[in-house]
């Protein structure tokens, strides 16, 4: 039986390899015009990247710029696993969880 490791069980080297695979699959999907598949692999890569972020570097109550989304900021209320929970500034008032890899750390 071939069991794949879970992302949480991987070391940084293994995570980087998985991220590269996801990005390559996303690139291929994009060139073939399969938008939904492209977005799935981009999201998988983002989740894998979040396992490499040290959550101790994220301050509760601090506002962070979101990577790849111009002029969007996120106030972190709590962290659970690889997600930061809080609110987008100038956004909806409902709480949301975003992958840690989206936060632009100093």
PDB file of N, CA and C in Angstrom:
ATOM      1  N   UNK A   1       0.835  -1.180   0.000  1.00  0.00           N
ATOM      2  CA  UNK A   1       0.000   0.000   0.000  1.00  0.00           C
ATOM      3  C   UNK A   1       0.882   1.245   0.000  1.00  0.00           C
ATOM      4  N   UNK A   2       0.674   2.117  -0.950  1.00  0.00           N
ATOM      5  CA  UNK A   2       1.469   3.328  -1.087  1.00  0.00           C
ATOM      6  C   UNK A   2       0.781   4.483  -0.364  1.00  0.00           C
ATOM      7  N   UNK A   3       1.328   4.868   0.776  1.00  0.00           N
ATOM      8  CA  UNK A   3       0.754   5.963   1.543  1.00  0.00           C
ATOM      9  C   UNK A   3       1.565   7.223   1.312  1.00  0.00           C
ATOM     10  N   UNK A   4       0.864   8.291   0.925  1.00  0.00           N
ATOM     11  CA  UNK A   4       1.536   9.568   0.760  1.00  0.00           C
ATOM     12  C   UNK A   4       1.572  10.280   2.096  1.00  0.00           C
ATOM     13  N   UNK A   5       2.645  11.043   2.307  1.00  0.00           N
ATOM     14  CA  UNK A   5       2.751  11.833   3.522  1.00  0.00           C
ATOM     15  C   UNK A   5       1.771  12.994   3.468  1.00  0.00           C
ATOM     16  N   UNK A   6       1.257  13.355   4.614  1.00  0.00           N
ATOM     17  CA  UNK A   6       0.432  14.543   4.719  1.00  0.00           C
ATOM     18  C   UNK A   6       1.354  15.755   4.743  1.00  0.00           C
ATOM     19  N   UNK A   7       0.837  16.885   4.317  1.00  0.00           N
ATOM     20  CA  UNK A   7       1.650  18.104   4.292  1.00  0.00           C
ATOM     21  C   UNK A   7       2.213  18.429   5.672  1.00  0.00           C
ATOM     22  N   UNK A   8       1.433  18.225   6.702  1.00  0.00           N
ATOM     23  CA  UNK A   8       1.862  18.536   8.060  1.00  0.00           C
ATOM     24  C   UNK A   8       3.041  17.663   8.499  1.00  0.00           C
ATOM     25  N   UNK A   9       3.227  16.522   7.886  1.00  0.00           N
ATOM     26  CA  UNK A   9       4.298  15.593   8.244  1.00  0.00           C
ATOM     27  C   UNK A   9       5.581  15.849   7.459  1.00  0.00           C
ATOM     28  N   UNK A  10       5.531  16.716   6.459  1.00  0.00           N
ATOM     29  CA  UNK A  10       6.680  16.940   5.577  1.00  0.00           C
ATOM     30  C   UNK A  10       7.648  17.968   6.150  1.00  0.00           C
ATOM     31  N   UNK A  11       8.930  17.789   5.791  1.00  0.00           N
ATOM     32  CA  UNK A  11       9.924  18.793   6.148  1.00  0.00           C
ATOM     33  C   UNK A  11       9.945  19.874   5.059  1.00  0.00           C
ATOM     34  N   UNK A  12      10.729  20.902   5.263  1.00  0.00           N
ATOM     35  CA  UNK A  12      10.739  22.038   4.333  1.00  0.00           C
ATOM     36  C   UNK A  12      11.140  21.626   2.915  1.00  0.00           C
ATOM     37  N   UNK A  13      12.105  20.758   2.792  1.00  0.00           N
ATOM     38  CA  UNK A  13      12.555  20.300   1.473  1.00  0.00           C
ATOM     39  C   UNK A  13      11.427  19.587   0.729  1.00  0.00           C
ATOM     40  N   UNK A  14      10.726  18.706   1.439  1.00  0.00           N
ATOM     41  CA  UNK A  14       9.608  17.982   0.829  1.00  0.00           C
ATOM     42  C   UNK A  14       8.473  18.934   0.446  1.00  0.00           C
ATOM     43  N   UNK A  15       8.201  19.904   1.314  1.00  0.00           N
ATOM     44  CA  UNK A  15       7.159  20.883   1.010  1.00  0.00           C
ATOM     45  C   UNK A  15       7.500  21.686  -0.245  1.00  0.00           C
ATOM     46  N   UNK A  16       8.753  22.093  -0.360  1.00  0.00           N
ATOM     47  CA  UNK A  16       9.166  22.854  -1.550  1.00  0.00           C
ATOM     48  C   UNK A  16       8.980  22.030  -2.827  1.00  0.00           C
ATOM     49  N   UNK A  17       9.267  20.738  -2.749  1.00  0.00           N
ATOM     50  CA  UNK A  17       9.086  19.861  -3.911  1.00  0.00           C
ATOM     51  C   UNK A  17       7.602  19.742  -4.278  1.00  0.00           C
ATOM     52  N   UNK A  18       6.749  19.605  -3.275  1.00  0.00           N
ATOM     53  CA  UNK A  18       5.306  19.511  -3.517  1.00  0.00           C
ATOM     54  C   UNK A  18       4.782  20.817  -4.108  1.00  0.00           C
ATOM     55  N   UNK A  19       5.246  21.935  -3.584  1.00  0.00           N
ATOM     56  CA  UNK A  19       4.832  23.247  -4.096  1.00  0.00           C
ATOM     57  C   UNK A  19       5.229  23.390  -5.559  1.00  0.00           C
ATOM     58  N   UNK A  20       6.437  22.967  -5.894  1.00  0.00           N
ATOM     59  CA  UNK A  20       6.901  23.033  -7.283  1.00  0.00           C
ATOM     60  C   UNK A  20       6.020  22.166  -8.191  1.00  0.00           C
ATOM     61  N   UNK A  21       5.629  20.992  -7.714  1.00  0.00           N
ATOM     62  CA  UNK A  21       4.749  20.120  -8.501  1.00  0.00           C
ATOM     63  C   UNK A  21       3.391  20.779  -8.734  1.00  0.00           C
ATOM     64  N   UNK A  22       2.827  21.357  -7.679  1.00  0.00           N
ATOM     65  CA  UNK A  22       1.531  22.037  -7.814  1.00  0.00           C
ATOM     66  C   UNK A  22       1.618  23.214  -8.781  1.00  0.00           C
ATOM     67  N   UNK A  23       2.697  23.973  -8.693  1.00  0.00           N
ATOM     68  CA  UNK A  23       2.848  25.134  -9.586  1.00  0.00           C
ATOM     69  C   UNK A  23       3.001  24.698 -11.046  1.00  0.00           C
ATOM     70  N   UNK A  24       3.706  23.591 -11.260  1.00  0.00           N
ATOM     71  CA  UNK A  24       3.857  23.070 -12.616  1.00  0.00           C
ATOM     72  C   UNK A  24       2.507  22.589 -13.154  1.00  0.00           C
ATOM     73  N   UNK A  25       1.738  21.907 -12.332  1.00  0.00           N
ATOM     74  CA  UNK A  25       0.410  21.459 -12.759  1.00  0.00           C
ATOM     75  C   UNK A  25      -0.499  22.655 -13.032  1.00  0.00           C
ATOM     76  N   UNK A  26      -0.360  23.697 -12.226  1.00  0.00           N
ATOM     77  CA  UNK A  26      -1.155  24.913 -12.435  1.00  0.00           C
ATOM     78  C   UNK A  26      -0.765  25.578 -13.755  1.00  0.00           C
ATOM     79  N   UNK A  27       0.536  25.614 -14.030  1.00  0.00           N
ATOM     80  CA  UNK A  27       1.011  26.216 -15.279  1.00  0.00           C
ATOM     81  C   UNK A  27       0.462  25.463 -16.483  1.00  0.00           C
ATOM     82  N   UNK A  28       0.492  24.131 -16.415  1.00  0.00           N
ATOM     83  CA  UNK A  28      -0.031  23.318 -17.513  1.00  0.00           C
ATOM     84  C   UNK A  28      -1.533  23.540 -17.695  1.00  0.00           C
ATOM     85  N   UNK A  29      -2.262  23.601 -16.591  1.00  0.00           N
ATOM     86  CA  UNK A  29      -3.711  23.826 -16.671  1.00  0.00           C
ATOM     87  C   UNK A  29      -4.000  25.194 -17.286  1.00  0.00           C
ATOM     88  N   UNK A  30      -3.189  26.182 -16.928  1.00  0.00           N
ATOM     89  CA  UNK A  30      -3.385  27.532 -17.470  1.00  0.00           C
ATOM     90  C   UNK A  30      -3.150  27.556 -18.979  1.00  0.00           C
ATOM     91  N   UNK A  31      -2.103  26.880 -19.426  1.00  0.00           N
ATOM     92  CA  UNK A  31      -1.818  26.864 -20.868  1.00  0.00           C
ATOM     93  C   UNK A  31      -2.888  26.111 -21.646  1.00  0.00           C
ATOM     94  N   UNK A  32      -3.545  25.153 -20.976  1.00  0.00           N
ATOM     95  CA  UNK A  32      -4.623  24.411 -21.634  1.00  0.00           C
ATOM     96  C   UNK A  32      -5.965  25.123 -21.487  1.00  0.00           C
ATOM     97  N   UNK A  33      -5.983  26.224 -20.738  1.00  0.00           N
ATOM     98  CA  UNK A  33      -7.204  26.999 -20.583  1.00  0.00           C
ATOM     99  C   UNK A  33      -8.203  26.415 -19.595  1.00  0.00           C
ATOM    100  N   UNK A  34      -7.723  25.566 -18.685  1.00  0.00           N
ATOM    101  CA  UNK A  34      -8.607  24.958 -17.686  1.00  0.00           C
ATOM    102  C   UNK A  34      -8.485  25.793 -16.403  1.00  0.00           C
ATOM    103  N   UNK A  35      -9.301  26.822 -16.325  1.00  0.00           N
ATOM    104  CA  UNK A  35      -9.191  27.809 -15.256  1.00  0.00           C
ATOM    105  C   UNK A  35      -9.453  27.216 -13.879  1.00  0.00           C
ATOM    106  N   UNK A  36     -10.497  26.393 -13.743  1.00  0.00           N
ATOM    107  CA  UNK A  36     -10.804  25.844 -12.417  1.00  0.00           C
ATOM    108  C   UNK A  36      -9.678  24.943 -11.903  1.00  0.00           C
ATOM    109  N   UNK A  37      -9.075  24.151 -12.770  1.00  0.00           N
ATOM    110  CA  UNK A  37      -7.961  23.294 -12.366  1.00  0.00           C
ATOM    111  C   UNK A  37      -6.743  24.138 -11.992  1.00  0.00           C
ATOM    112  N   UNK A  38      -6.507  25.192 -12.738  1.00  0.00           N
ATOM    113  CA  UNK A  38      -5.415  26.124 -12.442  1.00  0.00           C
ATOM    114  C   UNK A  38      -5.574  26.676 -11.020  1.00  0.00           C
ATOM    115  N   UNK A  39      -6.783  27.136 -10.701  1.00  0.00           N
ATOM    116  CA  UNK A  39      -7.023  27.733  -9.390  1.00  0.00           C
ATOM    117  C   UNK A  39      -6.912  26.719  -8.261  1.00  0.00           C
ATOM    118  N   UNK A  40      -7.311  25.480  -8.504  1.00  0.00           N
ATOM    119  CA  UNK A  40      -7.183  24.436  -7.490  1.00  0.00           C
ATOM    120  C   UNK A  40      -5.707  24.201  -7.158  1.00  0.00           C
ATOM    121  N   UNK A  41      -4.858  24.088  -8.168  1.00  0.00           N
ATOM    122  CA  UNK A  41      -3.434  23.846  -7.917  1.00  0.00           C
ATOM    123  C   UNK A  41      -2.749  25.058  -7.299  1.00  0.00           C
ATOM    124  N   UNK A  42      -3.174  26.255  -7.663  1.00  0.00           N
ATOM    125  CA  UNK A  42      -2.627  27.458  -7.035  1.00  0.00           C
ATOM    126  C   UNK A  42      -2.970  27.459  -5.545  1.00  0.00           C
ATOM    127  N   UNK A  43      -4.204  27.087  -5.209  1.00  0.00           N
ATOM    128  CA  UNK A  43      -4.638  27.054  -3.819  1.00  0.00           C
ATOM    129  C   UNK A  43      -3.899  25.971  -3.045  1.00  0.00           C
ATOM    130  N   UNK A  44      -3.680  24.810  -3.675  1.00  0.00           N
ATOM    131  CA  UNK A  44      -2.936  23.741  -3.015  1.00  0.00           C
ATOM    132  C   UNK A  44      -1.502  24.185  -2.712  1.00  0.00           C
ATOM    133  N   UNK A  45      -0.892  24.895  -3.642  1.00  0.00           N
ATOM    134  CA  UNK A  45       0.466  25.402  -3.423  1.00  0.00           C
ATOM    135  C   UNK A  45       0.474  26.396  -2.262  1.00  0.00           C
ATOM    136  N   UNK A  46      -0.533  27.252  -2.199  1.00  0.00           N
ATOM    137  CA  UNK A  46      -0.639  28.235  -1.124  1.00  0.00           C
ATOM    138  C   UNK A  46      -0.796  27.553   0.239  1.00  0.00           C
ATOM    139  N   UNK A  47      -1.594  26.505   0.288  1.00  0.00           N
ATOM    140  CA  UNK A  47      -1.775  25.756   1.539  1.00  0.00           C
ATOM    141  C   UNK A  47      -0.449  25.116   1.951  1.00  0.00           C
ATOM    142  N   UNK A  48       0.258  24.507   0.998  1.00  0.00           N
ATOM    143  CA  UNK A  48       1.550  23.889   1.309  1.00  0.00           C
ATOM    144  C   UNK A  48       2.545  24.936   1.799  1.00  0.00           C
ATOM    145  N   UNK A  49       2.547  26.127   1.190  1.00  0.00           N
ATOM    146  CA  UNK A  49       3.438  27.210   1.626  1.00  0.00           C
ATOM    147  C   UNK A  49       3.123  27.625   3.064  1.00  0.00           C
ATOM    148  N   UNK A  50       1.863  27.553   3.431  1.00  0.00           N
ATOM    149  CA  UNK A  50       1.454  27.972   4.780  1.00  0.00           C
ATOM    150  C   UNK A  50       2.068  27.085   5.861  1.00  0.00           C
ATOM    151  N   UNK A  51       2.385  25.842   5.527  1.00  0.00           N
ATOM    152  CA  UNK A  51       3.035  24.963   6.498  1.00  0.00           C
ATOM    153  C   UNK A  51       4.475  25.385   6.766  1.00  0.00           C
ATOM    154  N   UNK A  52       5.041  26.216   5.913  1.00  0.00           N
ATOM    155  CA  UNK A  52       6.406  26.685   6.119  1.00  0.00           C
ATOM    156  C   UNK A  52       6.458  28.011   6.873  1.00  0.00           C
ATOM    157  N   UNK A  53       5.309  28.608   7.143  1.00  0.00           N
ATOM    158  CA  UNK A  53       5.257  29.876   7.869  1.00  0.00           C
ATOM    159  C   UNK A  53       5.259  29.578   9.370  1.00  0.00           C
ATOM    160  N   UNK A  54       6.138  30.240  10.087  1.00  0.00           N
ATOM    161  CA  UNK A  54       6.199  30.087  11.537  1.00  0.00           C
ATOM    162  C   UNK A  54       5.118  30.973  12.146  1.00  0.00           C
ATOM    163  N   UNK A  55       4.080  30.364  12.688  1.00  0.00           N
ATOM    164  CA  UNK A  55       2.949  31.125  13.234  1.00  0.00           C
ATOM    165  C   UNK A  55       3.346  31.987  14.432  1.00  0.00           C
ATOM    166  N   UNK A  56       4.483  31.695  15.044  1.00  0.00           N
ATOM    167  CA  UNK A  56       4.956  32.509  16.165  1.00  0.00           C
ATOM    168  C   UNK A  56       5.387  33.900  15.713  1.00  0.00           C
ATOM    169  N   UNK A  57       5.635  34.075  14.413  1.00  0.00           N
ATOM    170  CA  UNK A  57       6.019  35.380  13.874  1.00  0.00           C
ATOM    171  C   UNK A  57       4.819  36.276  13.592  1.00  0.00           C
ATOM    172  N   UNK A  58       3.614  35.758  13.804  1.00  0.00           N
ATOM    173  CA  UNK A  58       2.398  36.512  13.523  1.00  0.00           C
ATOM    174  C   UNK A  58       1.809  36.996  14.841  1.00  0.00           C
ATOM    175  N   UNK A  59       1.576  38.309  14.907  1.00  0.00           N
ATOM    176  CA  UNK A  59       1.059  38.911  16.137  1.00  0.00           C
ATOM    177  C   UNK A  59      -0.463  39.035  16.073  1.00  0.00           C
ATOM    178  N   UNK A  60      -1.110  38.585  17.129  1.00  0.00           N
ATOM    179  CA  UNK A  60      -2.561  38.727  17.244  1.00  0.00           C
ATOM    180  C   UNK A  60      -2.872  40.219  17.394  1.00  0.00           C
ATOM    181  N   UNK A  61      -3.876  40.692  16.674  1.00  0.00           N
ATOM    182  CA  UNK A  61      -4.263  42.094  16.735  1.00  0.00           C
ATOM    183  C   UNK A  61      -3.520  42.978  15.748  1.00  0.00           C
ATOM    184  N   UNK A  62      -2.510  42.416  15.090  1.00  0.00           N
ATOM    185  CA  UNK A  62      -1.710  43.179  14.122  1.00  0.00           C
ATOM    186  C   UNK A  62      -2.393  43.146  12.751  1.00  0.00           C
ATOM    187  N   UNK A  63      -2.157  44.197  11.962  1.00  0.00           N
ATOM    188  CA  UNK A  63      -2.712  44.276  10.613  1.00  0.00           C
ATOM    189  C   UNK A  63      -1.597  43.950   9.619  1.00  0.00           C
ATOM    190  N   UNK A  64      -1.884  43.040   8.695  1.00  0.00           N
ATOM    191  CA  UNK A  64      -0.911  42.617   7.690  1.00  0.00           C
ATOM    192  C   UNK A  64      -1.447  42.896   6.289  1.00  0.00           C
ATOM    193  N   UNK A  65      -0.537  43.238   5.392  1.00  0.00           N
ATOM    194  CA  UNK A  65      -0.897  43.379   3.976  1.00  0.00           C
ATOM    195  C   UNK A  65      -1.038  41.976   3.411  1.00  0.00           C
ATOM    196  N   UNK A  66      -1.973  41.785   2.499  1.00  0.00           N
ATOM    197  CA  UNK A  66      -2.160  40.484   1.864  1.00  0.00           C
ATOM    198  C   UNK A  66      -1.311  40.403   0.597  1.00  0.00           C
ATOM    199  N   UNK A  67      -0.542  39.362   0.470  1.00  0.00           N
ATOM    200  CA  UNK A  67       0.340  39.164  -0.678  1.00  0.00           C
ATOM    201  C   UNK A  67      -0.493  38.896  -1.925  1.00  0.00           C
ATOM    202  N   UNK A  68      -0.171  39.578  -2.990  1.00  0.00           N
ATOM    203  CA  UNK A  68      -0.824  39.351  -4.276  1.00  0.00           C
ATOM    204  C   UNK A  68      -2.158  40.054  -4.427  1.00  0.00           C
ATOM    205  N   UNK A  69      -2.593  40.762  -3.404  1.00  0.00           N
ATOM    206  CA  UNK A  69      -3.854  41.493  -3.482  1.00  0.00           C
ATOM    207  C   UNK A  69      -3.548  42.939  -3.107  1.00  0.00           C
ATOM    208  N   UNK A  70      -3.453  43.784  -4.090  1.00  0.00           N
ATOM    209  CA  UNK A  70      -3.034  45.170  -3.873  1.00  0.00           C
ATOM    210  C   UNK A  70      -4.018  45.920  -2.975  1.00  0.00           C
ATOM    211  N   UNK A  71      -3.469  46.650  -2.018  1.00  0.00           N
ATOM    212  CA  UNK A  71      -4.228  47.502  -1.101  1.00  0.00           C
ATOM    213  C   UNK A  71      -5.281  46.760  -0.283  1.00  0.00           C
ATOM    214  N   UNK A  72      -5.009  45.513   0.066  1.00  0.00           N
ATOM    215  CA  UNK A  72      -5.896  44.768   0.951  1.00  0.00           C
ATOM    216  C   UNK A  72      -5.116  44.413   2.218  1.00  0.00           C
ATOM    217  N   UNK A  73      -5.762  44.629   3.345  1.00  0.00           N
ATOM    218  CA  UNK A  73      -5.129  44.384   4.635  1.00  0.00           C
ATOM    219  C   UNK A  73      -6.037  43.501   5.484  1.00  0.00           C
ATOM    220  N   UNK A  74      -5.394  42.759   6.394  1.00  0.00           N
ATOM    221  CA  UNK A  74      -6.106  41.779   7.194  1.00  0.00           C
ATOM    222  C   UNK A  74      -5.671  41.918   8.651  1.00  0.00           C
ATOM    223  N   UNK A  75      -6.631  42.043   9.553  1.00  0.00           N
ATOM    224  CA  UNK A  75      -6.337  42.109  10.987  1.00  0.00           C
ATOM    225  C   UNK A  75      -6.521  40.724  11.582  1.00  0.00           C
ATOM    226  N   UNK A  76      -5.462  40.184  12.159  1.00  0.00           N
ATOM    227  CA  UNK A  76      -5.463  38.837  12.718  1.00  0.00           C
ATOM    228  C   UNK A  76      -6.041  38.861  14.129  1.00  0.00           C
ATOM    229  N   UNK A  77      -7.083  38.079  14.334  1.00  0.00           N
ATOM    230  CA  UNK A  77      -7.713  37.952  15.645  1.00  0.00           C
ATOM    231  C   UNK A  77      -7.249  36.685  16.362  1.00  0.00           C
ATOM    232  N   UNK A  78      -6.997  35.631  15.593  1.00  0.00           N
ATOM    233  CA  UNK A  78      -6.521  34.377  16.167  1.00  0.00           C
ATOM    234  C   UNK A  78      -5.903  33.532  15.065  1.00  0.00           C
ATOM    235  N   UNK A  79      -5.140  32.538  15.498  1.00  0.00           N
ATOM    236  CA  UNK A  79      -4.502  31.609  14.556  1.00  0.00           C
ATOM    237  C   UNK A  79      -4.915  30.201  14.957  1.00  0.00           C
ATOM    238  N   UNK A  80      -5.324  29.445  13.959  1.00  0.00           N
ATOM    239  CA  UNK A  80      -5.663  28.044  14.195  1.00  0.00           C
ATOM    240  C   UNK A  80      -5.039  27.233  13.066  1.00  0.00           C
ATOM    241  N   UNK A  81      -4.039  26.431  13.427  1.00  0.00           N
ATOM    242  CA  UNK A  81      -3.345  25.634  12.412  1.00  0.00           C
ATOM    243  C   UNK A  81      -2.592  26.539  11.456  1.00  0.00           C
ATOM    244  N   UNK A  82      -2.882  26.376  10.170  1.00  0.00           N
ATOM    245  CA  UNK A  82      -2.188  27.173   9.150  1.00  0.00           C
ATOM    246  C   UNK A  82      -3.061  28.324   8.641  1.00  0.00           C
ATOM    247  N   UNK A  83      -4.101  28.661   9.406  1.00  0.00           N
ATOM    248  CA  UNK A  83      -4.998  29.745   9.016  1.00  0.00           C
ATOM    249  C   UNK A  83      -5.009  30.852  10.055  1.00  0.00           C
ATOM    250  N   UNK A  84      -5.017  32.079   9.558  1.00  0.00           N
ATOM    251  CA  UNK A  84      -5.213  33.246  10.412  1.00  0.00           C
ATOM    252  C   UNK A  84      -6.678  33.634  10.283  1.00  0.00           C
ATOM    253  N   UNK A  85      -7.327  33.838  11.414  1.00  0.00           N
ATOM    254  CA  UNK A  85      -8.736  34.224  11.424  1.00  0.00           C
ATOM    255  C   UNK A  85      -8.845  35.673  11.854  1.00  0.00           C
ATOM    256  N   UNK A  86      -9.680  36.411  11.125  1.00  0.00           N
ATOM    257  CA  UNK A  86      -9.851  37.816  11.446  1.00  0.00           C
ATOM    258  C   UNK A  86     -10.720  38.496  10.411  1.00  0.00           C
ATOM    259  N   UNK A  87     -10.396  39.761  10.153  1.00  0.00           N
ATOM    260  CA  UNK A  87     -11.235  40.580   9.285  1.00  0.00           C
ATOM    261  C   UNK A  87     -10.395  41.364   8.291  1.00  0.00           C
ATOM    262  N   UNK A  88     -10.907  41.477   7.076  1.00  0.00           N
ATOM    263  CA  UNK A  88     -10.269  42.347   6.079  1.00  0.00           C
ATOM    264  C   UNK A  88     -10.657  43.781   6.394  1.00  0.00           C
ATOM    265  N   UNK A  89      -9.684  44.678   6.317  1.00  0.00           N
ATOM    266  CA  UNK A  89      -9.991  46.082   6.525  1.00  0.00           C
ATOM    267  C   UNK A  89     -10.700  46.605   5.278  1.00  0.00           C
ATOM    268  N   UNK A  90     -11.714  47.404   5.483  1.00  0.00           N
ATOM    269  CA  UNK A  90     -12.538  47.956   4.396  1.00  0.00           C
ATOM    270  C   UNK A  90     -13.211  46.842   3.596  1.00  0.00           C
ATOM    271  N   UNK A  91     -13.449  45.725   4.237  1.00  0.00           N
ATOM    272  CA  UNK A  91     -14.115  44.601   3.577  1.00  0.00           C
ATOM    273  C   UNK A  91     -15.411  44.280   4.281  1.00  0.00           C
ATOM    274  N   UNK A  92     -15.837  43.055   4.131  1.00  0.00           N
ATOM    275  CA  UNK A  92     -17.057  42.630   4.817  1.00  0.00           C
ATOM    276  C   UNK A  92     -16.773  42.536   6.309  1.00  0.00           C
ATOM    277  N   UNK A  93     -17.805  42.613   7.092  1.00  0.00           N
ATOM    278  CA  UNK A  93     -17.621  42.579   8.535  1.00  0.00           C
ATOM    279  C   UNK A  93     -17.564  41.160   9.089  1.00  0.00           C
ATOM    280  N   UNK A  94     -17.737  40.156   8.234  1.00  0.00           N
ATOM    281  CA  UNK A  94     -17.723  38.773   8.723  1.00  0.00           C
ATOM    282  C   UNK A  94     -16.290  38.253   8.850  1.00  0.00           C
ATOM    283  N   UNK A  95     -16.093  37.449   9.888  1.00  0.00           N
ATOM    284  CA  UNK A  95     -14.771  36.866  10.127  1.00  0.00           C
ATOM    285  C   UNK A  95     -14.473  35.834   9.050  1.00  0.00           C
ATOM    286  N   UNK A  96     -13.211  35.758   8.652  1.00  0.00           N
ATOM    287  CA  UNK A  96     -12.805  34.746   7.678  1.00  0.00           C
ATOM    288  C   UNK A  96     -11.432  34.207   8.044  1.00  0.00           C
ATOM    289  N   UNK A  97     -11.132  33.036   7.522  1.00  0.00           N
ATOM    290  CA  UNK A  97      -9.829  32.428   7.718  1.00  0.00           C
ATOM    291  C   UNK A  97      -9.070  32.447   6.412  1.00  0.00           C
ATOM    292  N   UNK A  98      -7.804  32.861   6.471  1.00  0.00           N
ATOM    293  CA  UNK A  98      -6.958  32.866   5.280  1.00  0.00           C
ATOM    294  C   UNK A  98      -5.676  32.106   5.574  1.00  0.00           C
ATOM    295  N   UNK A  99      -5.083  31.466   4.568  1.00  0.00           N
ATOM    296  CA  UNK A  99      -3.829  30.754   4.775  1.00  0.00           C
ATOM    297  C   UNK A  99      -2.721  31.705   5.228  1.00  0.00           C
ATOM    298  N   UNK A 100      -1.887  31.254   6.143  1.00  0.00           N
ATOM    299  CA  UNK A 100      -0.814  32.083   6.672  1.00  0.00           C
ATOM    300  C   UNK A 100       0.120  32.617   5.589  1.00  0.00           C
ATOM    301  N   UNK A 101       0.268  31.869   4.504  1.00  0.00           N
ATOM    302  CA  UNK A 101       1.175  32.278   3.433  1.00  0.00           C
ATOM    303  C   UNK A 101       0.698  33.541   2.711  1.00  0.00           C
ATOM    304  N   UNK A 102      -0.551  33.944   2.917  1.00  0.00           N
ATOM    305  CA  UNK A 102      -1.042  35.172   2.288  1.00  0.00           C
ATOM    306  C   UNK A 102      -0.640  36.432   3.050  1.00  0.00           C
ATOM    307  N   UNK A 103      -0.210  36.278   4.295  1.00  0.00           N
ATOM    308  CA  UNK A 103       0.155  37.433   5.105  1.00  0.00           C
ATOM    309  C   UNK A 103       1.571  37.874   4.785  1.00  0.00           C
ATOM    310  N   UNK A 104       1.744  39.157   4.503  1.00  0.00           N
ATOM    311  CA  UNK A 104       3.074  39.683   4.232  1.00  0.00           C
ATOM    312  C   UNK A 104       3.719  40.000   5.567  1.00  0.00           C
ATOM    313  N   UNK A 105       4.683  39.163   5.954  1.00  0.00           N
ATOM    314  CA  UNK A 105       5.390  39.339   7.211  1.00  0.00           C
ATOM    315  C   UNK A 105       6.592  40.233   6.989  1.00  0.00           C
ATOM    316  N   UNK A 106       7.052  40.856   8.050  1.00  0.00           N
ATOM    317  CA  UNK A 106       8.201  41.786   7.957  1.00  0.00           C
ATOM    318  C   UNK A 106       9.474  41.041   7.687  1.00  0.00           C
TER     319      UNK A 106
END
